[in-house]
Amino acid sequence: MKLQIFNGVPAQLSKLLLSLMAFTLIPISACSSHSPCDPDFLPATSPSPPNECRVDGCSLAPDFDFGYCCNQHDARYWSGGTTQERKQADLALRQCLAEANHEMLAVLYYYGVRIGGTPYLPTPWRWGFGWNYPQYQLNHDAESN
């Protein structure tokens, strides 16, 4: 059985892509600048997370000419929500990048946020990053039960 992390991409290339994402993009996050979220992109949540919504473009990856796509995605990630809402936010990012004529990057960034945006890690770009870690995850798990 062949391992394929990215549909249609051979296993060796998939492993190489994941390695590149892990070892070359993580240092970029230290250089990210943060700015307030655009209120038009903030989801209506009740209650709102205690931490201010800040966006940093594409966090670990270059923004090129589509930083606005990543900022919209950051605003959606701020408050968190259901697993389905996270998937919708990630698909919206993928669609925005594709509409900006970056189809290949759309696929790479989509899988990057699906893997790296998990709420189970204490990263500043995780799903529900507006909540203190692990408060969001604990609250979300309690609602799921």
N, C-alpha and C. Protein backbone atom coordinates (compact mmCIF):
# COMPACT_ATOMS: atom_id res chain seq x y z
N MET A 1 0.84 -1.18 0.00
CA MET A 1 0.00 0.00 0.00
C MET A 1 0.89 1.24 0.00
N LYS A 2 0.63 2.15 -0.91
CA LYS A 2 1.43 3.36 -1.02
C LYS A 2 0.84 4.47 -0.16
N LEU A 3 1.73 5.18 0.54
CA LEU A 3 1.33 6.32 1.34
C LEU A 3 1.20 7.54 0.44
N GLN A 4 0.04 8.18 0.46
CA GLN A 4 -0.15 9.41 -0.29
C GLN A 4 -0.80 10.43 0.62
N ILE A 5 -0.02 11.41 1.06
CA ILE A 5 -0.54 12.44 1.94
C ILE A 5 -1.33 13.46 1.14
N PHE A 6 -0.81 13.83 -0.01
CA PHE A 6 -1.49 14.74 -0.92
C PHE A 6 -2.04 13.90 -2.06
N ASN A 7 -3.33 13.99 -2.34
CA ASN A 7 -3.95 13.19 -3.40
C ASN A 7 -3.21 13.36 -4.71
N GLY A 8 -2.84 12.25 -5.33
CA GLY A 8 -2.19 12.28 -6.63
C GLY A 8 -0.70 12.58 -6.60
N VAL A 9 -0.14 12.82 -5.42
CA VAL A 9 1.28 13.13 -5.29
C VAL A 9 1.98 11.90 -4.73
N PRO A 10 3.03 11.41 -5.39
CA PRO A 10 3.75 10.22 -4.91
C PRO A 10 4.23 10.40 -3.47
N ALA A 11 4.33 9.30 -2.76
CA ALA A 11 4.69 9.32 -1.34
C ALA A 11 6.01 10.03 -1.07
N GLN A 12 7.03 9.77 -1.89
CA GLN A 12 8.33 10.41 -1.64
C GLN A 12 8.23 11.92 -1.78
N LEU A 13 7.49 12.39 -2.78
CA LEU A 13 7.33 13.83 -2.96
C LEU A 13 6.50 14.41 -1.82
N SER A 14 5.49 13.69 -1.37
CA SER A 14 4.68 14.15 -0.24
C SER A 14 5.55 14.32 1.00
N LYS A 15 6.41 13.35 1.27
CA LYS A 15 7.31 13.44 2.42
C LYS A 15 8.26 14.62 2.29
N LEU A 16 8.75 14.85 1.08
CA LEU A 16 9.64 15.98 0.85
C LEU A 16 8.91 17.29 1.10
N LEU A 17 7.69 17.42 0.61
CA LEU A 17 6.91 18.64 0.81
C LEU A 17 6.67 18.89 2.29
N LEU A 18 6.31 17.86 3.03
CA LEU A 18 6.09 18.02 4.47
C LEU A 18 7.38 18.40 5.19
N SER A 19 8.49 17.81 4.79
CA SER A 19 9.78 18.16 5.40
C SER A 19 10.13 19.61 5.14
N LEU A 20 9.94 20.05 3.91
CA LEU A 20 10.22 21.44 3.57
C LEU A 20 9.35 22.38 4.38
N MET A 21 8.08 22.05 4.50
CA MET A 21 7.17 22.89 5.29
C MET A 21 7.63 22.96 6.73
N ALA A 22 8.03 21.83 7.28
CA ALA A 22 8.41 21.78 8.69
C ALA A 22 9.73 22.49 8.99
N PHE A 23 10.72 22.32 8.13
CA PHE A 23 12.06 22.81 8.46
C PHE A 23 12.44 24.14 7.84
N THR A 24 11.77 24.56 6.80
CA THR A 24 12.15 25.84 6.19
C THR A 24 11.16 26.94 6.45
N LEU A 25 9.92 26.62 6.75
CA LEU A 25 8.93 27.66 6.93
C LEU A 25 8.76 28.10 8.38
N ILE A 26 9.05 27.25 9.33
CA ILE A 26 8.86 27.60 10.73
C ILE A 26 9.65 28.84 11.14
N PRO A 27 10.92 29.01 10.74
CA PRO A 27 11.64 30.23 11.13
C PRO A 27 11.01 31.51 10.59
N ILE A 28 10.26 31.43 9.52
CA ILE A 28 9.63 32.62 8.95
C ILE A 28 8.65 33.23 9.94
N SER A 29 8.04 32.40 10.79
CA SER A 29 7.02 32.91 11.71
C SER A 29 7.60 33.95 12.66
N ALA A 30 8.87 33.88 12.96
CA ALA A 30 9.48 34.86 13.85
C ALA A 30 9.53 36.24 13.21
N CYS A 31 9.46 36.30 11.89
CA CYS A 31 9.53 37.57 11.17
C CYS A 31 8.15 38.13 10.85
N SER A 32 7.09 37.42 11.21
CA SER A 32 5.74 37.86 10.88
C SER A 32 5.41 39.13 11.65
N SER A 33 4.71 40.04 10.98
CA SER A 33 4.21 41.21 11.69
C SER A 33 2.72 41.00 11.91
N HIS A 34 2.22 41.48 13.02
CA HIS A 34 0.82 41.29 13.38
C HIS A 34 0.09 42.63 13.29
N SER A 35 -1.14 42.58 12.82
CA SER A 35 -1.98 43.77 12.78
C SER A 35 -3.40 43.35 13.17
N PRO A 36 -4.23 44.31 13.58
CA PRO A 36 -5.60 43.96 13.99
C PRO A 36 -6.40 43.37 12.84
N CYS A 37 -7.35 42.52 13.19
CA CYS A 37 -8.25 41.93 12.19
C CYS A 37 -9.17 42.99 11.61
N ASP A 38 -9.53 42.82 10.37
CA ASP A 38 -10.55 43.64 9.74
C ASP A 38 -11.89 43.22 10.33
N PRO A 39 -12.63 44.15 10.95
CA PRO A 39 -13.91 43.77 11.58
C PRO A 39 -14.89 43.10 10.62
N ASP A 40 -14.78 43.38 9.33
CA ASP A 40 -15.69 42.76 8.36
C ASP A 40 -15.48 41.26 8.24
N PHE A 41 -14.31 40.77 8.64
CA PHE A 41 -14.01 39.35 8.51
C PHE A 41 -14.22 38.57 9.80
N LEU A 42 -14.52 39.27 10.89
CA LEU A 42 -14.69 38.59 12.17
C LEU A 42 -16.02 37.85 12.22
N PRO A 43 -16.00 36.60 12.62
CA PRO A 43 -17.26 35.86 12.76
C PRO A 43 -18.02 36.35 13.99
N ALA A 44 -19.33 36.24 13.94
CA ALA A 44 -20.16 36.60 15.09
C ALA A 44 -20.07 35.45 16.09
N THR A 45 -19.44 35.71 17.22
CA THR A 45 -19.30 34.67 18.23
C THR A 45 -19.82 35.17 19.56
N SER A 46 -20.32 34.28 20.34
CA SER A 46 -20.78 34.63 21.67
C SER A 46 -20.40 33.48 22.60
N PRO A 47 -19.60 33.70 23.58
CA PRO A 47 -18.87 34.93 23.86
C PRO A 47 -17.65 35.07 22.96
N SER A 48 -17.12 36.27 22.90
CA SER A 48 -15.91 36.50 22.11
C SER A 48 -14.69 36.04 22.89
N PRO A 49 -13.66 35.59 22.18
CA PRO A 49 -12.42 35.21 22.86
C PRO A 49 -11.83 36.39 23.63
N PRO A 50 -11.09 36.13 24.70
CA PRO A 50 -10.52 37.20 25.51
C PRO A 50 -9.35 37.93 24.85
N ASN A 51 -8.70 37.30 23.89
CA ASN A 51 -7.54 37.91 23.25
C ASN A 51 -7.94 38.60 21.95
N GLU A 52 -7.32 39.75 21.71
CA GLU A 52 -7.60 40.54 20.51
C GLU A 52 -7.30 39.73 19.25
N CYS A 53 -8.11 39.94 18.24
CA CYS A 53 -7.86 39.28 16.96
C CYS A 53 -6.75 40.01 16.23
N ARG A 54 -5.69 39.28 15.91
CA ARG A 54 -4.54 39.82 15.18
C ARG A 54 -4.28 38.91 13.99
N VAL A 55 -3.92 39.50 12.87
CA VAL A 55 -3.59 38.72 11.67
C VAL A 55 -2.12 38.92 11.35
N ASP A 56 -1.53 37.93 10.68
CA ASP A 56 -0.12 38.04 10.30
C ASP A 56 0.12 37.54 8.89
N GLY A 57 -0.90 37.66 8.05
CA GLY A 57 -0.73 37.17 6.69
C GLY A 57 -0.71 35.66 6.70
N CYS A 58 0.22 35.07 6.00
CA CYS A 58 0.26 33.61 5.86
C CYS A 58 1.19 32.95 6.87
N SER A 59 1.33 33.53 8.05
CA SER A 59 2.09 32.98 9.18
C SER A 59 3.44 32.39 8.80
N LEU A 60 3.46 31.12 8.46
CA LEU A 60 4.71 30.42 8.21
C LEU A 60 5.16 30.45 6.76
N ALA A 61 4.39 31.03 5.90
CA ALA A 61 4.67 30.94 4.47
C ALA A 61 4.63 32.32 3.83
N PRO A 62 5.26 32.46 2.68
CA PRO A 62 5.23 33.75 1.98
C PRO A 62 3.81 34.14 1.57
N ASP A 63 3.53 35.45 1.63
CA ASP A 63 2.21 35.98 1.28
C ASP A 63 2.07 36.28 -0.21
N PHE A 64 3.18 36.53 -0.88
CA PHE A 64 3.16 36.95 -2.29
C PHE A 64 2.13 38.06 -2.46
N ASP A 65 1.18 37.87 -3.38
CA ASP A 65 0.17 38.91 -3.62
C ASP A 65 -1.20 38.50 -3.10
N PHE A 66 -1.24 37.60 -2.13
CA PHE A 66 -2.52 37.12 -1.62
C PHE A 66 -2.59 37.13 -0.10
N GLY A 67 -1.88 38.05 0.53
CA GLY A 67 -1.92 38.15 1.99
C GLY A 67 -3.32 38.37 2.52
N TYR A 68 -4.17 39.04 1.74
CA TYR A 68 -5.54 39.29 2.16
C TYR A 68 -6.30 37.97 2.37
N CYS A 69 -5.99 36.96 1.56
CA CYS A 69 -6.64 35.65 1.72
C CYS A 69 -6.28 35.07 3.09
N CYS A 70 -5.01 35.16 3.44
CA CYS A 70 -4.54 34.62 4.71
C CYS A 70 -5.08 35.43 5.89
N ASN A 71 -5.20 36.75 5.73
CA ASN A 71 -5.75 37.58 6.80
C ASN A 71 -7.22 37.24 7.06
N GLN A 72 -7.98 36.99 6.00
CA GLN A 72 -9.37 36.57 6.18
C GLN A 72 -9.41 35.22 6.91
N HIS A 73 -8.51 34.34 6.54
CA HIS A 73 -8.43 33.02 7.17
C HIS A 73 -8.06 33.16 8.65
N ASP A 74 -7.11 34.04 8.96
CA ASP A 74 -6.73 34.28 10.36
C ASP A 74 -7.93 34.75 11.17
N ALA A 75 -8.72 35.67 10.61
CA ALA A 75 -9.88 36.20 11.32
C ALA A 75 -10.88 35.09 11.63
N ARG A 76 -11.03 34.16 10.71
CA ARG A 76 -11.93 33.03 10.95
C ARG A 76 -11.37 32.09 12.02
N TYR A 77 -10.05 31.93 12.06
CA TYR A 77 -9.41 31.04 13.03
C TYR A 77 -9.43 31.62 14.45
N TRP A 78 -9.50 32.93 14.59
CA TRP A 78 -9.41 33.60 15.88
C TRP A 78 -10.39 33.02 16.90
N SER A 79 -11.66 32.92 16.54
CA SER A 79 -12.67 32.49 17.51
C SER A 79 -12.87 30.98 17.56
N GLY A 80 -12.35 30.27 16.57
CA GLY A 80 -12.55 28.83 16.54
C GLY A 80 -13.99 28.48 16.19
N GLY A 81 -14.40 27.32 16.61
CA GLY A 81 -15.75 26.85 16.31
C GLY A 81 -15.73 25.34 16.11
N THR A 82 -16.68 24.87 15.34
CA THR A 82 -16.80 23.44 15.12
C THR A 82 -15.75 22.95 14.13
N THR A 83 -15.61 21.65 14.07
CA THR A 83 -14.70 21.03 13.10
C THR A 83 -15.12 21.39 11.68
N GLN A 84 -16.42 21.41 11.44
CA GLN A 84 -16.93 21.75 10.11
C GLN A 84 -16.64 23.21 9.76
N GLU A 85 -16.76 24.12 10.73
CA GLU A 85 -16.44 25.53 10.49
C GLU A 85 -14.96 25.71 10.16
N ARG A 86 -14.11 24.94 10.81
CA ARG A 86 -12.68 25.00 10.50
C ARG A 86 -12.43 24.54 9.07
N LYS A 87 -13.05 23.44 8.69
CA LYS A 87 -12.87 22.94 7.33
C LYS A 87 -13.38 23.97 6.31
N GLN A 88 -14.51 24.61 6.59
CA GLN A 88 -15.04 25.65 5.70
C GLN A 88 -14.06 26.82 5.58
N ALA A 89 -13.45 27.22 6.70
CA ALA A 89 -12.47 28.31 6.68
C ALA A 89 -11.26 27.92 5.83
N ASP A 90 -10.81 26.68 5.96
CA ASP A 90 -9.66 26.22 5.18
C ASP A 90 -9.99 26.11 3.70
N LEU A 91 -11.20 25.66 3.39
CA LEU A 91 -11.62 25.60 1.98
C LEU A 91 -11.76 26.99 1.38
N ALA A 92 -12.22 27.96 2.20
CA ALA A 92 -12.33 29.34 1.72
C ALA A 92 -10.94 29.90 1.41
N LEU A 93 -9.94 29.58 2.23
CA LEU A 93 -8.56 30.00 1.94
C LEU A 93 -8.10 29.40 0.62
N ARG A 94 -8.34 28.11 0.46
CA ARG A 94 -7.93 27.43 -0.78
C ARG A 94 -8.58 28.07 -2.00
N GLN A 95 -9.87 28.38 -1.89
CA GLN A 95 -10.58 29.00 -3.02
C GLN A 95 -10.04 30.39 -3.30
N CYS A 96 -9.76 31.17 -2.26
CA CYS A 96 -9.24 32.53 -2.44
C CYS A 96 -7.89 32.49 -3.15
N LEU A 97 -7.01 31.58 -2.75
CA LEU A 97 -5.70 31.46 -3.39
C LEU A 97 -5.84 31.02 -4.84
N ALA A 98 -6.75 30.10 -5.10
CA ALA A 98 -6.98 29.64 -6.48
C ALA A 98 -7.51 30.78 -7.34
N GLU A 99 -8.41 31.58 -6.78
CA GLU A 99 -8.96 32.72 -7.51
C GLU A 99 -7.90 33.79 -7.76
N ALA A 100 -6.84 33.79 -6.95
CA ALA A 100 -5.72 34.72 -7.15
C ALA A 100 -4.69 34.12 -8.11
N ASN A 101 -5.10 33.04 -8.81
CA ASN A 101 -4.26 32.37 -9.81
C ASN A 101 -3.04 31.67 -9.22
N HIS A 102 -3.21 31.10 -8.05
CA HIS A 102 -2.15 30.32 -7.41
C HIS A 102 -2.69 28.94 -7.05
N GLU A 103 -3.10 28.19 -8.07
CA GLU A 103 -3.75 26.91 -7.85
C GLU A 103 -2.87 25.91 -7.10
N MET A 104 -1.59 25.83 -7.47
CA MET A 104 -0.70 24.87 -6.80
C MET A 104 -0.47 25.28 -5.34
N LEU A 105 -0.24 26.57 -5.10
CA LEU A 105 -0.06 27.02 -3.73
C LEU A 105 -1.35 26.85 -2.93
N ALA A 106 -2.49 26.98 -3.59
CA ALA A 106 -3.77 26.78 -2.90
C ALA A 106 -3.84 25.39 -2.29
N VAL A 107 -3.39 24.40 -3.03
CA VAL A 107 -3.40 23.02 -2.53
C VAL A 107 -2.38 22.86 -1.39
N LEU A 108 -1.17 23.38 -1.58
CA LEU A 108 -0.14 23.26 -0.53
C LEU A 108 -0.54 23.98 0.75
N TYR A 109 -1.05 25.20 0.62
CA TYR A 109 -1.44 25.96 1.80
C TYR A 109 -2.64 25.32 2.49
N TYR A 110 -3.56 24.77 1.70
CA TYR A 110 -4.72 24.09 2.28
C TYR A 110 -4.25 22.94 3.18
N TYR A 111 -3.39 22.08 2.66
CA TYR A 111 -2.92 20.96 3.48
C TYR A 111 -2.06 21.46 4.64
N GLY A 112 -1.34 22.55 4.44
CA GLY A 112 -0.54 23.13 5.52
C GLY A 112 -1.41 23.58 6.69
N VAL A 113 -2.54 24.25 6.39
CA VAL A 113 -3.41 24.70 7.48
C VAL A 113 -4.22 23.55 8.07
N ARG A 114 -4.52 22.55 7.27
CA ARG A 114 -5.24 21.39 7.81
C ARG A 114 -4.36 20.66 8.84
N ILE A 115 -3.06 20.59 8.55
CA ILE A 115 -2.14 19.91 9.47
C ILE A 115 -1.70 20.85 10.59
N GLY A 116 -1.25 22.04 10.24
CA GLY A 116 -0.66 22.94 11.22
C GLY A 116 -1.63 23.77 12.04
N GLY A 117 -2.89 23.87 11.61
CA GLY A 117 -3.86 24.71 12.31
C GLY A 117 -4.66 24.00 13.38
N THR A 118 -4.26 22.79 13.70
CA THR A 118 -4.99 22.00 14.69
C THR A 118 -5.11 22.75 16.02
N PRO A 119 -6.25 22.65 16.70
CA PRO A 119 -6.40 23.31 18.00
C PRO A 119 -5.69 22.55 19.13
N TYR A 120 -5.12 21.40 18.83
CA TYR A 120 -4.49 20.57 19.86
C TYR A 120 -3.06 20.98 20.19
N LEU A 121 -2.49 21.92 19.45
CA LEU A 121 -1.13 22.39 19.71
C LEU A 121 -1.17 23.85 20.16
N PRO A 122 -0.26 24.26 21.04
CA PRO A 122 -0.28 25.63 21.55
C PRO A 122 0.39 26.65 20.63
N THR A 123 0.09 26.58 19.35
CA THR A 123 0.69 27.51 18.39
C THR A 123 -0.13 28.79 18.31
N PRO A 124 0.50 29.90 17.94
CA PRO A 124 -0.24 31.16 17.85
C PRO A 124 -1.16 31.24 16.64
N TRP A 125 -1.14 30.24 15.76
CA TRP A 125 -2.00 30.26 14.58
C TRP A 125 -3.04 29.14 14.62
N ARG A 126 -3.19 28.49 15.76
CA ARG A 126 -4.10 27.34 15.87
C ARG A 126 -5.56 27.79 15.74
N TRP A 127 -6.43 26.84 15.43
CA TRP A 127 -7.87 27.08 15.40
C TRP A 127 -8.31 27.49 16.80
N GLY A 128 -8.93 28.67 16.91
CA GLY A 128 -9.35 29.19 18.20
C GLY A 128 -8.24 29.91 18.94
N PHE A 129 -7.31 30.55 18.19
CA PHE A 129 -6.15 31.19 18.83
C PHE A 129 -6.52 32.40 19.68
N GLY A 130 -7.74 32.89 19.59
CA GLY A 130 -8.18 34.01 20.43
C GLY A 130 -8.40 33.60 21.88
N TRP A 131 -8.50 32.31 22.10
CA TRP A 131 -8.67 31.77 23.45
C TRP A 131 -7.31 31.36 23.99
N ASN A 132 -7.15 31.46 25.30
CA ASN A 132 -5.91 30.99 25.93
C ASN A 132 -5.85 29.48 25.81
N TYR A 133 -4.68 28.97 25.47
CA TYR A 133 -4.50 27.52 25.35
C TYR A 133 -4.34 26.93 26.75
N PRO A 134 -4.94 25.85 27.09
CA PRO A 134 -5.84 25.00 26.31
C PRO A 134 -7.31 25.30 26.55
N GLN A 135 -7.63 26.49 27.07
CA GLN A 135 -9.01 26.83 27.41
C GLN A 135 -9.97 26.57 26.26
N TYR A 136 -9.63 27.02 25.06
CA TYR A 136 -10.54 26.83 23.93
C TYR A 136 -10.80 25.35 23.71
N GLN A 137 -9.74 24.57 23.66
CA GLN A 137 -9.91 23.15 23.38
C GLN A 137 -10.74 22.47 24.45
N LEU A 138 -10.51 22.82 25.70
CA LEU A 138 -11.29 22.22 26.78
C LEU A 138 -12.75 22.60 26.66
N ASN A 139 -13.04 23.88 26.39
CA ASN A 139 -14.42 24.32 26.23
C ASN A 139 -15.06 23.63 25.04
N HIS A 140 -14.33 23.55 23.94
CA HIS A 140 -14.86 22.95 22.72
C HIS A 140 -15.14 21.47 22.94
N ASP A 141 -14.23 20.77 23.62
CA ASP A 141 -14.44 19.35 23.89
C ASP A 141 -15.66 19.13 24.79
N ALA A 142 -15.86 20.02 25.77
CA ALA A 142 -17.01 19.90 26.66
C ALA A 142 -18.31 20.05 25.89
N GLU A 143 -18.33 20.96 24.90
CA GLU A 143 -19.53 21.16 24.10
C GLU A 143 -19.79 19.97 23.20
N SER A 144 -18.74 19.26 22.80
CA SER A 144 -18.87 18.12 21.89
C SER A 144 -19.47 16.91 22.58
N ASN A 145 -19.29 16.82 23.90
CA ASN A 145 -19.74 15.62 24.64
C ASN A 145 -21.20 15.69 25.00
